[in-house]
Amino acid sequence: MLTDEIRQELFAKQDLSYRDFQSKLIPTLENGAMIGVRTPQLRKMAKQYARHEDISTFLDALPHTYFDENQLHAFIVSERKDFAQCITELTRFLPFIDNWATCDQLSPKIFKKHRPELLPYIKDWLASAHTYTVRFGIGMLMEHYLDEDFDIRYPEAVAGLRSEEYYINMMIAWYFATALAKQYEAILPFFEKPRLSLWTHNKAIQKAVESLRITPEQKACLKKLKRA
């Protein structure tokens, strides 16, 4: 089966030192869940297998056993050139994502051409009970709707999220730090009021102050808005 062929190829590309390094960065993974294939090799494999006539057998073999299989799956979906196909495969895959790295590296290229059609799906992702589906939804708002397609409704939606999950709250902070860099005047009121939970508020300010895209004057203002 193609799934077995892919797994054999992944193990053939295994780098044990890289595996051990990566394992420390992703503490939510169980021991033995990582093979240790470097990202450039996974992306190259994804380009090759995305065109394979039987790739659906691999994409349907969920949940995958290994982190590297999830990474390969994410990169294959990201290569899709048809929006409807991409959404179908993405919707099936999202509930099985179990770590921040796969979530954050899942970024379909086709979304750039279909931003209006993407918004209803993002709304559903933000309402999900699954940590990494919510994180993915926030990530898509951050990636696609902070420039020419910006609308104040989008940070309003993110500010309205409340969760006890670290990986959701960290993404909210990342979103608002990036939003400050791109839409400072529109986003500042979310900190002046304030609108975020205490931890997320302070973490977003911390990340913004560390950013090279925030001016010294803006950083000085943000530091005054930190909450105790």
Foldseek 3Di string as FASTA:
>chain_A
DVLVVVVVVLLVQADVVQQVVVCVVWVQDDPPQERHHDPVVLLVVLVVLLPPPPCVVLLVPPPDRHPSSLQSLLSNLLADQDPVVSVVSCVVNQLNDGTDVSLLVRHRPNCLVVVVVCVVVLVVQCVDPRLSSNLSSLNCCQVHALAPNDDLVNLVSLLPDDDPDPSSLLSSLVSLLSSCLRPVVSSVPCLVVPRHPLVSLQSNLVSNLVDPSADPVRNVVSVVSRDD
